Amino acid sequence: MTIEQDKIQEQLVVADNNKKNSTGALLSVQDLRVHFELRKFGFGHAGYVRAVDGVSFELKHGASIAIVGESGCGKTSLMKTILALYKPTAGHVIFDGKDLSTLKGADLKAYRSEVGFVQQDPYGALPPFMTVQRILEEPLTINGVKDKEERLERISKVLEEVKMTPVNEFLPKFPHQLSGGQQQRIVIARAMILNPKLLVADEPVSMLDASVRVEILKLLRGLQEKHNLAVIYVTHDLSTVRYFSERIFVMYAGQVIEKGQVDLLVNNPLHPYTYALLQGTSDPDAHNATVMKEVPPGEPPSLVNPPSGCRFHPRCPKIIKGLCEVKVPPEVEPVPGQLTSCWLYE
């Protein structure tokens, strides 16, 4: 082959791979790394914060997954990279066959219209000086919906979907005039107003009362099924995951250390860290209310200088001396459909 023919062949291979990504998965995260550079007093390199350090997963159309882990494990940085708010240091995020790192201008704007974002704090996410109508109208205006009647029709429809009725009573209200649950419904309505393919929900119920949490999760589940939405549910609370997601990805210190089907992982956690997360989950059984559960001591490690070997080894109650501190554990599949990175199963 000539050099020109080689280039053509490479382009065909890339096009074929993109075609496979778009048909097989809506979202493909491939060995993603997001590192933030540290500066000493504003000058000079002082290292990197390895917020995301080699994460891979796929999400199909209409499917839902949960990203779980303690605060500081990197799950929010992962989500902001998927939302194209952060740029990857290495690796790829492929959405519907398109690599996000190549999107600019109109293409990037079009991508963001296909992804809805539900924030953790509904009051902080809503502009206090805007009415509900204006909050929901703004994304339509930005994305070229010029007809006023069409905008009002779409706003009314999405408010009915999130159970904010009668619609005319809520349109002129400001965020401070709504309850926490109502504010979160408006945040969800705004995320849904452009008919996205993917919904990213970052701790969507952690700021709400316990009674309201179930309602919001049921609402999200209903919207997912009605619109065939792909959903990424980010949380630290495994008690809510089993009612919403199909697969769980457990993150620790910027890495995914266990993943699998919800029932498998919740009923039989393999990694000591996953077990610790489950131990820390609230138990609805009143008989267990006074039982003091054992959880690993210490705090998550610094992402500037993460521990060598298994990153959980300084807190792990099942550490294998001379191995866990030195070597990075490979990903193994001790149970069909459930993968973990732990030397206990090697």
C-alpha atoms as a PDB file:
ATOM      1  CA  MET A   1       0.000   0.000   0.000  1.00  0.00           C
ATOM      2  CA  THR A   2       1.014   3.618  -0.552  1.00  0.00           C
ATOM      3  CA  ILE A   3       1.144   6.158   2.288  1.00  0.00           C
ATOM      4  CA  GLU A   4      -2.103   7.681   1.028  1.00  0.00           C
ATOM      5  CA  GLN A   5      -3.807   4.285   0.978  1.00  0.00           C
ATOM      6  CA  ASP A   6      -2.586   3.648   4.547  1.00  0.00           C
ATOM      7  CA  LYS A   7      -4.160   6.907   5.692  1.00  0.00           C
ATOM      8  CA  ILE A   8      -7.444   6.034   3.999  1.00  0.00           C
ATOM      9  CA  GLN A   9      -7.389   2.621   5.667  1.00  0.00           C
ATOM     10  CA  GLU A  10      -6.777   4.213   9.078  1.00  0.00           C
ATOM     11  CA  GLN A  11      -9.703   6.586   8.544  1.00  0.00           C
ATOM     12  CA  LEU A  12     -11.953   3.654   7.648  1.00  0.00           C
ATOM     13  CA  VAL A  13     -10.912   1.828  10.819  1.00  0.00           C
ATOM     14  CA  VAL A  14     -11.633   4.917  12.954  1.00  0.00           C
ATOM     15  CA  ALA A  15     -15.017   5.371  11.269  1.00  0.00           C
ATOM     16  CA  ASP A  16     -15.834   1.710  11.865  1.00  0.00           C
ATOM     17  CA  ASN A  17     -14.879   1.972  15.541  1.00  0.00           C
ATOM     18  CA  ASN A  18     -17.039   5.081  15.940  1.00  0.00           C
ATOM     19  CA  LYS A  19     -19.925   3.245  14.302  1.00  0.00           C
ATOM     20  CA  LYS A  20     -19.526   0.369  16.781  1.00  0.00           C
ATOM     21  CA  ASN A  21     -19.445   2.792  19.701  1.00  0.00           C
ATOM     22  CA  SER A  22     -22.603   4.560  18.549  1.00  0.00           C
ATOM     23  CA  THR A  23     -24.565   1.347  18.051  1.00  0.00           C
ATOM     24  CA  GLY A  24     -23.221  -0.654  21.000  1.00  0.00           C
ATOM     25  CA  ALA A  25     -23.118   2.050  23.672  1.00  0.00           C
ATOM     26  CA  LEU A  26     -24.381   5.574  24.073  1.00  0.00           C
ATOM     27  CA  LEU A  27     -21.425   6.484  26.310  1.00  0.00           C
ATOM     28  CA  SER A  28     -18.002   4.867  26.400  1.00  0.00           C
ATOM     29  CA  VAL A  29     -15.401   5.993  28.958  1.00  0.00           C
ATOM     30  CA  GLN A  30     -11.994   4.589  28.021  1.00  0.00           C
ATOM     31  CA  ASP A  31      -9.080   4.625  30.503  1.00  0.00           C
ATOM     32  CA  LEU A  32     -10.021   8.164  31.561  1.00  0.00           C
ATOM     33  CA  ARG A  33      -7.551  10.204  33.589  1.00  0.00           C
ATOM     34  CA  VAL A  34      -8.198  13.692  34.946  1.00  0.00           C
ATOM     35  CA  HIS A  35      -5.237  15.281  36.741  1.00  0.00           C
ATOM     36  CA  PHE A  36      -5.151  18.840  38.093  1.00  0.00           C
ATOM     37  CA  GLU A  37      -1.796  20.602  38.325  1.00  0.00           C
ATOM     38  CA  LEU A  38      -0.816  22.148  41.647  1.00  0.00           C
ATOM     39  CA  ARG A  39       1.165  25.386  41.842  1.00  0.00           C
ATOM     40  CA  LYS A  40       3.311  26.508  44.764  1.00  0.00           C
ATOM     41  CA  PHE A  41       2.253  30.059  45.720  1.00  0.00           C
ATOM     42  CA  GLY A  42       1.110  30.543  42.137  1.00  0.00           C
ATOM     43  CA  PHE A  43       4.537  29.753  40.693  1.00  0.00           C
ATOM     44  CA  GLY A  44       6.262  26.472  40.002  1.00  0.00           C
ATOM     45  CA  HIS A  45       4.979  22.958  39.594  1.00  0.00           C
ATOM     46  CA  ALA A  46       3.998  21.209  42.856  1.00  0.00           C
ATOM     47  CA  GLY A  47       2.522  17.964  41.587  1.00  0.00           C
ATOM     48  CA  TYR A  48      -0.872  16.761  40.371  1.00  0.00           C
ATOM     49  CA  VAL A  49      -4.183  15.866  41.972  1.00  0.00           C
ATOM     50  CA  ARG A  50      -5.115  12.553  40.338  1.00  0.00           C
ATOM     51  CA  ALA A  51      -8.868  13.007  40.625  1.00  0.00           C
ATOM     52  CA  VAL A  52      -9.670  10.297  38.058  1.00  0.00           C
ATOM     53  CA  ASP A  53      -6.955   7.749  37.390  1.00  0.00           C
ATOM     54  CA  GLY A  54      -7.840   5.127  34.795  1.00  0.00           C
ATOM     55  CA  VAL A  55     -11.632   4.687  34.763  1.00  0.00           C
ATOM     56  CA  SER A  56     -13.414   2.703  32.039  1.00  0.00           C
ATOM     57  CA  PHE A  57     -17.081   1.769  31.557  1.00  0.00           C
ATOM     58  CA  GLU A  58     -19.866   1.727  28.987  1.00  0.00           C
ATOM     59  CA  LEU A  59     -23.482   2.841  29.197  1.00  0.00           C
ATOM     60  CA  LYS A  60     -26.126   1.687  26.719  1.00  0.00           C
ATOM     61  CA  HIS A  61     -29.221   3.577  25.582  1.00  0.00           C
ATOM     62  CA  GLY A  62     -31.906   3.476  28.273  1.00  0.00           C
ATOM     63  CA  ALA A  63     -29.646   1.848  30.883  1.00  0.00           C
ATOM     64  CA  SER A  64     -28.786   3.179  34.345  1.00  0.00           C
ATOM     65  CA  ILE A  65     -25.609   2.854  36.373  1.00  0.00           C
ATOM     66  CA  ALA A  66     -24.507   4.138  39.764  1.00  0.00           C
ATOM     67  CA  ILE A  67     -21.113   5.601  40.628  1.00  0.00           C
ATOM     68  CA  VAL A  68     -20.633   5.254  44.382  1.00  0.00           C
ATOM     69  CA  GLY A  69     -17.897   6.195  46.821  1.00  0.00           C
ATOM     70  CA  GLU A  70     -16.900   8.487  49.673  1.00  0.00           C
ATOM     71  CA  SER A  71     -16.457  12.227  49.246  1.00  0.00           C
ATOM     72  CA  GLY A  72     -13.161  12.918  47.515  1.00  0.00           C
ATOM     73  CA  CYS A  73     -13.022   9.638  45.603  1.00  0.00           C
ATOM     74  CA  GLY A  74     -13.235  11.393  42.217  1.00  0.00           C
ATOM     75  CA  LYS A  75     -16.824  10.677  41.220  1.00  0.00           C
ATOM     76  CA  THR A  76     -17.789  14.350  40.757  1.00  0.00           C
ATOM     77  CA  SER A  77     -14.657  15.031  38.683  1.00  0.00           C
ATOM     78  CA  LEU A  78     -15.597  12.029  36.549  1.00  0.00           C
ATOM     79  CA  MET A  79     -19.099  13.413  36.013  1.00  0.00           C
ATOM     80  CA  LYS A  80     -17.870  16.920  35.156  1.00  0.00           C
ATOM     81  CA  THR A  81     -15.558  15.422  32.549  1.00  0.00           C
ATOM     82  CA  ILE A  82     -18.486  13.511  31.050  1.00  0.00           C
ATOM     83  CA  LEU A  83     -20.403  16.810  31.012  1.00  0.00           C
ATOM     84  CA  ALA A  84     -17.447  18.345  29.096  1.00  0.00           C
ATOM     85  CA  LEU A  85     -16.760  20.828  31.905  1.00  0.00           C
ATOM     86  CA  TYR A  86     -13.299  19.322  32.475  1.00  0.00           C
ATOM     87  CA  LYS A  87     -10.912  18.136  29.787  1.00  0.00           C
ATOM     88  CA  PRO A  88      -9.349  14.679  30.092  1.00  0.00           C
ATOM     89  CA  THR A  89      -5.644  14.502  30.837  1.00  0.00           C
ATOM     90  CA  ALA A  90      -5.620  11.150  29.040  1.00  0.00           C
ATOM     91  CA  GLY A  91      -8.131   8.616  27.765  1.00  0.00           C
ATOM     92  CA  HIS A  92     -11.379   9.200  25.931  1.00  0.00           C
ATOM     93  CA  VAL A  93     -15.055   9.909  26.511  1.00  0.00           C
ATOM     94  CA  ILE A  94     -17.053   8.773  23.475  1.00  0.00           C
ATOM     95  CA  PHE A  95     -20.695   9.866  23.259  1.00  0.00           C
ATOM     96  CA  ASP A  96     -22.824   8.476  20.443  1.00  0.00           C
ATOM     97  CA  GLY A  97     -19.657   7.825  18.421  1.00  0.00           C
ATOM     98  CA  LYS A  98     -18.104  11.273  19.033  1.00  0.00           C
ATOM     99  CA  ASP A  99     -14.993  11.897  21.095  1.00  0.00           C
ATOM    100  CA  LEU A 100     -15.756  14.793  23.474  1.00  0.00           C
ATOM    101  CA  SER A 101     -12.185  16.082  23.328  1.00  0.00           C
ATOM    102  CA  THR A 102     -12.672  16.924  19.626  1.00  0.00           C
ATOM    103  CA  LEU A 103     -15.920  18.879  20.073  1.00  0.00           C
ATOM    104  CA  LYS A 104     -15.852  22.660  19.800  1.00  0.00           C
ATOM    105  CA  GLY A 105     -18.284  25.496  19.223  1.00  0.00           C
ATOM    106  CA  ALA A 106     -21.629  24.393  17.782  1.00  0.00           C
ATOM    107  CA  ASP A 107     -20.763  20.694  18.147  1.00  0.00           C
ATOM    108  CA  LEU A 108     -20.036  21.109  21.857  1.00  0.00           C
ATOM    109  CA  LYS A 109     -23.241  23.102  22.321  1.00  0.00           C
ATOM    110  CA  ALA A 110     -25.209  20.351  20.553  1.00  0.00           C
ATOM    111  CA  TYR A 111     -23.653  17.724  22.821  1.00  0.00           C
ATOM    112  CA  ARG A 112     -24.588  19.607  25.966  1.00  0.00           C
ATOM    113  CA  SER A 113     -28.189  19.832  24.770  1.00  0.00           C
ATOM    114  CA  GLU A 114     -28.256  16.011  24.700  1.00  0.00           C
ATOM    115  CA  VAL A 115     -27.078  15.637  28.307  1.00  0.00           C
ATOM    116  CA  GLY A 116     -29.146  16.753  31.294  1.00  0.00           C
ATOM    117  CA  PHE A 117     -27.580  17.500  34.674  1.00  0.00           C
ATOM    118  CA  VAL A 118     -29.332  17.227  38.050  1.00  0.00           C
ATOM    119  CA  GLN A 119     -27.301  18.971  40.750  1.00  0.00           C
ATOM    120  CA  GLN A 120     -26.997  18.020  44.399  1.00  0.00           C
ATOM    121  CA  ASP A 121     -28.172  21.293  45.974  1.00  0.00           C
ATOM    122  CA  PRO A 122     -31.408  22.390  44.275  1.00  0.00           C
ATOM    123  CA  TYR A 123     -31.530  25.812  45.919  1.00  0.00           C
ATOM    124  CA  GLY A 124     -27.940  26.611  44.918  1.00  0.00           C
ATOM    125  CA  ALA A 125     -28.577  25.321  41.385  1.00  0.00           C
ATOM    126  CA  LEU A 126     -31.508  27.654  40.687  1.00  0.00           C
ATOM    127  CA  PRO A 127     -31.017  31.403  39.998  1.00  0.00           C
ATOM    128  CA  PRO A 128     -32.851  33.168  42.874  1.00  0.00           C
ATOM    129  CA  PHE A 129     -33.814  36.153  40.688  1.00  0.00           C
ATOM    130  CA  MET A 130     -35.579  34.058  38.014  1.00  0.00           C
ATOM    131  CA  THR A 131     -39.132  32.721  38.042  1.00  0.00           C
ATOM    132  CA  VAL A 132     -39.808  29.049  37.289  1.00  0.00           C
ATOM    133  CA  GLN A 133     -40.980  30.005  33.792  1.00  0.00           C
ATOM    134  CA  ARG A 134     -37.819  31.941  33.022  1.00  0.00           C
ATOM    135  CA  ILE A 135     -35.567  29.206  34.475  1.00  0.00           C
ATOM    136  CA  LEU A 136     -37.108  26.626  32.136  1.00  0.00           C
ATOM    137  CA  GLU A 137     -37.376  29.017  29.197  1.00  0.00           C
ATOM    138  CA  GLU A 138     -33.693  29.958  29.169  1.00  0.00           C
ATOM    139  CA  PRO A 139     -32.275  26.653  27.794  1.00  0.00           C
ATOM    140  CA  LEU A 140     -34.943  26.664  25.071  1.00  0.00           C
ATOM    141  CA  THR A 141     -34.042  30.220  24.056  1.00  0.00           C
ATOM    142  CA  ILE A 142     -30.315  29.474  24.050  1.00  0.00           C
ATOM    143  CA  ASN A 143     -30.891  26.448  21.825  1.00  0.00           C
ATOM    144  CA  GLY A 144     -32.912  28.308  19.218  1.00  0.00           C
ATOM    145  CA  VAL A 145     -36.559  27.730  20.145  1.00  0.00           C
ATOM    146  CA  LYS A 146     -37.831  31.162  19.081  1.00  0.00           C
ATOM    147  CA  ASP A 147     -41.587  30.621  19.123  1.00  0.00           C
ATOM    148  CA  LYS A 148     -42.966  31.808  22.482  1.00  0.00           C
ATOM    149  CA  GLU A 149     -46.014  29.548  22.354  1.00  0.00           C
ATOM    150  CA  GLU A 150     -43.846  26.499  21.646  1.00  0.00           C
ATOM    151  CA  ARG A 151     -41.610  27.363  24.604  1.00  0.00           C
ATOM    152  CA  LEU A 152     -44.610  27.698  26.924  1.00  0.00           C
ATOM    153  CA  GLU A 153     -46.063  24.422  25.635  1.00  0.00           C
ATOM    154  CA  ARG A 154     -42.805  22.548  26.282  1.00  0.00           C
ATOM    155  CA  ILE A 155     -42.453  24.136  29.720  1.00  0.00           C
ATOM    156  CA  SER A 156     -46.011  23.121  30.660  1.00  0.00           C
ATOM    157  CA  LYS A 157     -45.428  19.573  29.443  1.00  0.00           C
ATOM    158  CA  VAL A 158     -42.219  19.073  31.421  1.00  0.00           C
ATOM    159  CA  LEU A 159     -43.759  20.565  34.587  1.00  0.00           C
ATOM    160  CA  GLU A 160     -46.605  18.080  34.316  1.00  0.00           C
ATOM    161  CA  GLU A 161     -44.073  15.264  33.936  1.00  0.00           C
ATOM    162  CA  VAL A 162     -42.323  16.244  37.170  1.00  0.00           C
ATOM    163  CA  LYS A 163     -45.689  16.555  38.967  1.00  0.00           C
ATOM    164  CA  MET A 164     -45.620  20.344  39.398  1.00  0.00           C
ATOM    165  CA  THR A 165     -49.314  20.998  38.859  1.00  0.00           C
ATOM    166  CA  PRO A 166     -51.357  23.073  38.363  1.00  0.00           C
ATOM    167  CA  VAL A 167     -48.694  24.504  36.074  1.00  0.00           C
ATOM    168  CA  ASN A 168     -49.994  28.105  36.083  1.00  0.00           C
ATOM    169  CA  GLU A 169     -49.519  28.339  39.847  1.00  0.00           C
ATOM    170  CA  PHE A 170     -45.820  27.470  39.679  1.00  0.00           C
ATOM    171  CA  LEU A 171     -44.757  29.460  36.594  1.00  0.00           C
ATOM    172  CA  PRO A 172     -44.519  32.873  38.356  1.00  0.00           C
ATOM    173  CA  LYS A 173     -42.894  31.553  41.541  1.00  0.00           C
ATOM    174  CA  PHE A 174     -39.276  32.131  42.563  1.00  0.00           C
ATOM    175  CA  PRO A 175     -37.063  29.333  43.985  1.00  0.00           C
ATOM    176  CA  HIS A 176     -37.339  30.602  47.584  1.00  0.00           C
ATOM    177  CA  GLN A 177     -41.119  30.173  47.379  1.00  0.00           C
ATOM    178  CA  LEU A 178     -40.753  26.429  46.779  1.00  0.00           C
ATOM    179  CA  SER A 179     -39.996  23.553  49.131  1.00  0.00           C
ATOM    180  CA  GLY A 180     -36.774  21.549  48.783  1.00  0.00           C
ATOM    181  CA  GLY A 181     -38.561  18.755  46.960  1.00  0.00           C
ATOM    182  CA  GLN A 182     -40.265  21.216  44.591  1.00  0.00           C
ATOM    183  CA  GLN A 183     -36.944  22.927  43.877  1.00  0.00           C
ATOM    184  CA  GLN A 184     -35.388  19.589  42.947  1.00  0.00           C
ATOM    185  CA  ARG A 185     -38.322  18.858  40.633  1.00  0.00           C
ATOM    186  CA  ILE A 186     -37.622  22.152  38.855  1.00  0.00           C
ATOM    187  CA  VAL A 187     -33.942  21.176  38.540  1.00  0.00           C
ATOM    188  CA  ILE A 188     -35.046  17.856  36.997  1.00  0.00           C
ATOM    189  CA  ALA A 189     -37.482  19.676  34.699  1.00  0.00           C
ATOM    190  CA  ARG A 190     -34.675  21.945  33.491  1.00  0.00           C
ATOM    191  CA  ALA A 191     -32.479  18.899  32.832  1.00  0.00           C
ATOM    192  CA  MET A 192     -35.316  17.301  30.812  1.00  0.00           C
ATOM    193  CA  ILE A 193     -36.510  20.365  28.881  1.00  0.00           C
ATOM    194  CA  LEU A 194     -34.299  19.660  25.810  1.00  0.00           C
ATOM    195  CA  ASN A 195     -35.197  15.947  25.633  1.00  0.00           C
ATOM    196  CA  PRO A 196     -31.704  14.616  26.471  1.00  0.00           C
ATOM    197  CA  LYS A 197     -30.377  11.132  25.746  1.00  0.00           C
ATOM    198  CA  LEU A 198     -28.328  11.013  28.957  1.00  0.00           C
ATOM    199  CA  LEU A 199     -29.150  12.267  32.444  1.00  0.00           C
ATOM    200  CA  VAL A 200     -26.374  12.781  35.001  1.00  0.00           C
ATOM    201  CA  ALA A 201     -27.701  12.976  38.566  1.00  0.00           C
ATOM    202  CA  ASP A 202     -25.055  14.016  41.103  1.00  0.00           C
ATOM    203  CA  GLU A 203     -26.296  13.123  44.612  1.00  0.00           C
ATOM    204  CA  PRO A 204     -29.830  14.257  43.629  1.00  0.00           C
ATOM    205  CA  VAL A 205     -31.509  13.319  46.937  1.00  0.00           C
ATOM    206  CA  SER A 206     -28.787  13.843  49.559  1.00  0.00           C
ATOM    207  CA  MET A 207     -30.058  17.354  50.465  1.00  0.00           C
ATOM    208  CA  LEU A 208     -33.690  16.259  50.804  1.00  0.00           C
ATOM    209  CA  ASP A 209     -35.791  14.857  53.641  1.00  0.00           C
ATOM    210  CA  ALA A 210     -36.055  11.077  53.796  1.00  0.00           C
ATOM    211  CA  SER A 211     -39.726  11.060  52.799  1.00  0.00           C
ATOM    212  CA  VAL A 212     -39.046  13.200  49.719  1.00  0.00           C
ATOM    213  CA  ARG A 213     -36.063  11.113  48.571  1.00  0.00           C
ATOM    214  CA  VAL A 214     -38.217   8.146  47.585  1.00  0.00           C
ATOM    215  CA  GLU A 215     -40.556  10.404  45.578  1.00  0.00           C
ATOM    216  CA  ILE A 216     -37.673  11.966  43.653  1.00  0.00           C
ATOM    217  CA  LEU A 217     -36.069   8.584  42.915  1.00  0.00           C
ATOM    218  CA  LYS A 218     -39.406   7.229  41.683  1.00  0.00           C
ATOM    219  CA  LEU A 219     -39.800  10.328  39.525  1.00  0.00           C
ATOM    220  CA  LEU A 220     -36.358   9.855  37.958  1.00  0.00           C
ATOM    221  CA  ARG A 221     -37.049   6.172  37.370  1.00  0.00           C
ATOM    222  CA  GLY A 222     -40.357   6.992  35.695  1.00  0.00           C
ATOM    223  CA  LEU A 223     -38.744   9.578  33.412  1.00  0.00           C
ATOM    224  CA  GLN A 224     -36.016   7.107  32.486  1.00  0.00           C
ATOM    225  CA  GLU A 225     -38.501   4.441  31.453  1.00  0.00           C
ATOM    226  CA  LYS A 226     -40.815   6.858  29.630  1.00  0.00           C
ATOM    227  CA  HIS A 227     -38.099   8.543  27.577  1.00  0.00           C
ATOM    228  CA  ASN A 228     -35.629   5.622  27.304  1.00  0.00           C
ATOM    229  CA  LEU A 229     -33.046   7.734  29.113  1.00  0.00           C
ATOM    230  CA  ALA A 230     -29.559   6.597  29.967  1.00  0.00           C
ATOM    231  CA  VAL A 231     -28.840   7.643  33.574  1.00  0.00           C
ATOM    232  CA  ILE A 232     -25.669   8.000  35.627  1.00  0.00           C
ATOM    233  CA  TYR A 233     -26.573   8.170  39.299  1.00  0.00           C
ATOM    234  CA  VAL A 234     -23.773   9.490  41.525  1.00  0.00           C
ATOM    235  CA  THR A 235     -24.065   8.836  45.249  1.00  0.00           C
ATOM    236  CA  HIS A 236     -22.316   7.766  48.440  1.00  0.00           C
ATOM    237  CA  ASP A 237     -25.460   6.076  49.779  1.00  0.00           C
ATOM    238  CA  LEU A 238     -25.791   2.452  48.678  1.00  0.00           C
ATOM    239  CA  SER A 239     -29.245   2.205  50.289  1.00  0.00           C
ATOM    240  CA  THR A 240     -30.804   4.159  47.398  1.00  0.00           C
ATOM    241  CA  VAL A 241     -28.854   2.475  44.594  1.00  0.00           C
ATOM    242  CA  ARG A 242     -30.711  -0.836  44.644  1.00  0.00           C
ATOM    243  CA  TYR A 243     -33.991   0.929  43.810  1.00  0.00           C
ATOM    244  CA  PHE A 244     -32.662   2.841  40.845  1.00  0.00           C
ATOM    245  CA  SER A 245     -29.646   1.408  39.034  1.00  0.00           C
ATOM    246  CA  GLU A 246     -28.824  -1.796  37.185  1.00  0.00           C
ATOM    247  CA  ARG A 247     -25.052  -1.778  37.673  1.00  0.00           C
ATOM    248  CA  ILE A 248     -22.764  -0.290  40.327  1.00  0.00           C
ATOM    249  CA  PHE A 249     -19.236   1.070  39.911  1.00  0.00           C
ATOM    250  CA  VAL A 250     -17.468   1.583  43.247  1.00  0.00           C
ATOM    251  CA  MET A 251     -14.784   4.300  43.198  1.00  0.00           C
ATOM    252  CA  TYR A 252     -11.927   4.774  45.626  1.00  0.00           C
ATOM    253  CA  ALA A 253      -9.048   7.260  45.292  1.00  0.00           C
ATOM    254  CA  GLY A 254      -9.791   7.990  41.640  1.00  0.00           C
ATOM    255  CA  GLN A 255     -10.160   4.370  40.536  1.00  0.00           C
ATOM    256  CA  VAL A 256     -12.996   1.859  40.093  1.00  0.00           C
ATOM    257  CA  ILE A 257     -12.226  -0.987  42.513  1.00  0.00           C
ATOM    258  CA  GLU A 258     -15.390  -3.080  42.095  1.00  0.00           C
ATOM    259  CA  LYS A 259     -18.260  -3.267  39.610  1.00  0.00           C
ATOM    260  CA  GLY A 260     -21.189  -5.532  38.900  1.00  0.00           C
ATOM    261  CA  GLN A 261     -24.951  -6.021  38.893  1.00  0.00           C
ATOM    262  CA  VAL A 262     -26.711  -4.291  41.783  1.00  0.00           C
ATOM    263  CA  ASP A 263     -28.132  -7.413  43.457  1.00  0.00           C
ATOM    264  CA  LEU A 264     -24.825  -9.268  43.204  1.00  0.00           C
ATOM    265  CA  LEU A 265     -22.726  -6.441  44.575  1.00  0.00           C
ATOM    266  CA  VAL A 266     -25.083  -5.356  47.379  1.00  0.00           C
ATOM    267  CA  ASN A 267     -25.741  -8.881  48.626  1.00  0.00           C
ATOM    268  CA  ASN A 268     -22.168 -10.122  48.257  1.00  0.00           C
ATOM    269  CA  PRO A 269     -19.562  -7.318  48.278  1.00  0.00           C
ATOM    270  CA  LEU A 270     -16.135  -8.657  47.362  1.00  0.00           C
ATOM    271  CA  HIS A 271     -13.798  -5.739  47.980  1.00  0.00           C
ATOM    272  CA  PRO A 272     -13.242  -4.752  51.660  1.00  0.00           C
ATOM    273  CA  TYR A 273     -13.993  -1.135  50.756  1.00  0.00           C
ATOM    274  CA  THR A 274     -17.367  -2.025  49.220  1.00  0.00           C
ATOM    275  CA  TYR A 275     -18.178  -3.996  52.347  1.00  0.00           C
ATOM    276  CA  ALA A 276     -17.257  -0.940  54.448  1.00  0.00           C
ATOM    277  CA  LEU A 277     -19.573   1.282  52.384  1.00  0.00           C
ATOM    278  CA  LEU A 278     -22.433  -1.142  52.978  1.00  0.00           C
ATOM    279  CA  GLN A 279     -21.658  -1.219  56.698  1.00  0.00           C
ATOM    280  CA  GLY A 280     -21.961   2.545  56.778  1.00  0.00           C
ATOM    281  CA  THR A 281     -25.360   2.493  55.060  1.00  0.00           C
ATOM    282  CA  SER A 282     -28.367   3.255  57.243  1.00  0.00           C
ATOM    283  CA  ASP A 283     -30.300   0.143  58.263  1.00  0.00           C
ATOM    284  CA  PRO A 284     -34.134   0.336  58.196  1.00  0.00           C
ATOM    285  CA  ASP A 285     -34.351  -2.522  60.709  1.00  0.00           C
ATOM    286  CA  ALA A 286     -35.071  -0.976  64.141  1.00  0.00           C
ATOM    287  CA  HIS A 287     -33.497  -3.987  65.893  1.00  0.00           C
ATOM    288  CA  ASN A 288     -30.125  -2.988  64.443  1.00  0.00           C
ATOM    289  CA  ALA A 289     -30.368   0.668  65.469  1.00  0.00           C
ATOM    290  CA  THR A 290     -28.164   0.187  68.537  1.00  0.00           C
ATOM    291  CA  VAL A 291     -25.628  -2.098  66.861  1.00  0.00           C
ATOM    292  CA  MET A 292     -22.257  -0.383  66.435  1.00  0.00           C
ATOM    293  CA  LYS A 293     -20.961  -1.370  63.010  1.00  0.00           C
ATOM    294  CA  GLU A 294     -17.274  -1.803  62.299  1.00  0.00           C
ATOM    295  CA  VAL A 295     -15.914   0.464  59.607  1.00  0.00           C
ATOM    296  CA  PRO A 296     -12.296   0.973  58.471  1.00  0.00           C
ATOM    297  CA  PRO A 297     -10.368   3.638  60.398  1.00  0.00           C
ATOM    298  CA  GLY A 298      -8.803   6.668  58.787  1.00  0.00           C
ATOM    299  CA  GLU A 299      -9.682   8.873  55.843  1.00  0.00           C
ATOM    300  CA  PRO A 300      -9.437   8.508  52.060  1.00  0.00           C
ATOM    301  CA  PRO A 301      -5.842   9.090  50.889  1.00  0.00           C
ATOM    302  CA  SER A 302      -4.460  12.215  49.303  1.00  0.00           C
ATOM    303  CA  LEU A 303      -4.893  12.168  45.543  1.00  0.00           C
ATOM    304  CA  VAL A 304      -1.647  14.108  45.202  1.00  0.00           C
ATOM    305  CA  ASN A 305       0.420  11.228  46.578  1.00  0.00           C
ATOM    306  CA  PRO A 306      -1.833   8.151  46.591  1.00  0.00           C
ATOM    307  CA  PRO A 307      -0.529   5.019  48.350  1.00  0.00           C
ATOM    308  CA  SER A 308       1.499   2.520  46.342  1.00  0.00           C
ATOM    309  CA  GLY A 309       0.034  -0.863  45.521  1.00  0.00           C
ATOM    310  CA  CYS A 310      -3.638  -1.112  46.433  1.00  0.00           C
ATOM    311  CA  ARG A 311      -4.781   2.375  47.369  1.00  0.00           C
ATOM    312  CA  PHE A 312      -7.053   1.029  50.093  1.00  0.00           C
ATOM    313  CA  HIS A 313      -4.318  -0.929  51.873  1.00  0.00           C
ATOM    314  CA  PRO A 314      -3.613   1.661  54.673  1.00  0.00           C
ATOM    315  CA  ARG A 315      -7.224   1.219  55.882  1.00  0.00           C
ATOM    316  CA  CYS A 316      -7.875  -2.382  54.867  1.00  0.00           C
ATOM    317  CA  PRO A 317      -8.661  -4.896  57.655  1.00  0.00           C
ATOM    318  CA  LYS A 318      -7.733  -7.791  55.349  1.00  0.00           C
ATOM    319  CA  ILE A 319      -4.382  -6.510  54.107  1.00  0.00           C
ATOM    320  CA  ILE A 320      -1.888  -9.094  52.834  1.00  0.00           C
ATOM    321  CA  LYS A 321       1.453  -7.857  54.140  1.00  0.00           C
ATOM    322  CA  GLY A 322       4.230  -7.555  51.583  1.00  0.00           C
ATOM    323  CA  LEU A 323       1.800  -7.667  48.657  1.00  0.00           C
ATOM    324  CA  CYS A 324      -1.007  -5.099  48.966  1.00  0.00           C
ATOM    325  CA  GLU A 325       1.428  -2.299  49.852  1.00  0.00           C
ATOM    326  CA  VAL A 326       3.662  -2.982  46.856  1.00  0.00           C
ATOM    327  CA  LYS A 327       1.739  -4.284  43.855  1.00  0.00           C
ATOM    328  CA  VAL A 328      -1.340  -2.889  42.171  1.00  0.00           C
ATOM    329  CA  PRO A 329      -4.024  -5.617  42.222  1.00  0.00           C
ATOM    330  CA  PRO A 330      -5.335  -6.803  38.839  1.00  0.00           C
ATOM    331  CA  GLU A 331      -9.014  -6.807  38.003  1.00  0.00           C
ATOM    332  CA  VAL A 332     -10.424 -10.314  38.476  1.00  0.00           C
ATOM    333  CA  GLU A 333     -13.883 -11.902  38.237  1.00  0.00           C
ATOM    334  CA  PRO A 334     -14.379 -14.165  41.285  1.00  0.00           C
ATOM    335  CA  VAL A 335     -18.141 -14.235  40.643  1.00  0.00           C
ATOM    336  CA  PRO A 336     -19.586 -14.223  37.108  1.00  0.00           C
ATOM    337  CA  GLY A 337     -20.637 -10.659  36.305  1.00  0.00           C
ATOM    338  CA  GLN A 338     -18.861  -9.136  39.311  1.00  0.00           C
ATOM    339  CA  LEU A 339     -15.341  -7.757  38.956  1.00  0.00           C
ATOM    340  CA  THR A 340     -13.014  -6.451  41.636  1.00  0.00           C
ATOM    341  CA  SER A 341      -9.428  -5.271  42.017  1.00  0.00           C
ATOM    342  CA  CYS A 342      -8.241  -7.081  45.131  1.00  0.00           C
ATOM    343  CA  TRP A 343      -5.411  -9.503  45.951  1.00  0.00           C
ATOM    344  CA  LEU A 344      -7.772 -11.595  48.102  1.00  0.00           C
ATOM    345  CA  TYR A 345      -9.157 -13.235  44.958  1.00  0.00           C
ATOM    346  CA  GLU A 346      -5.997 -13.674  42.923  1.00  0.00           C
END
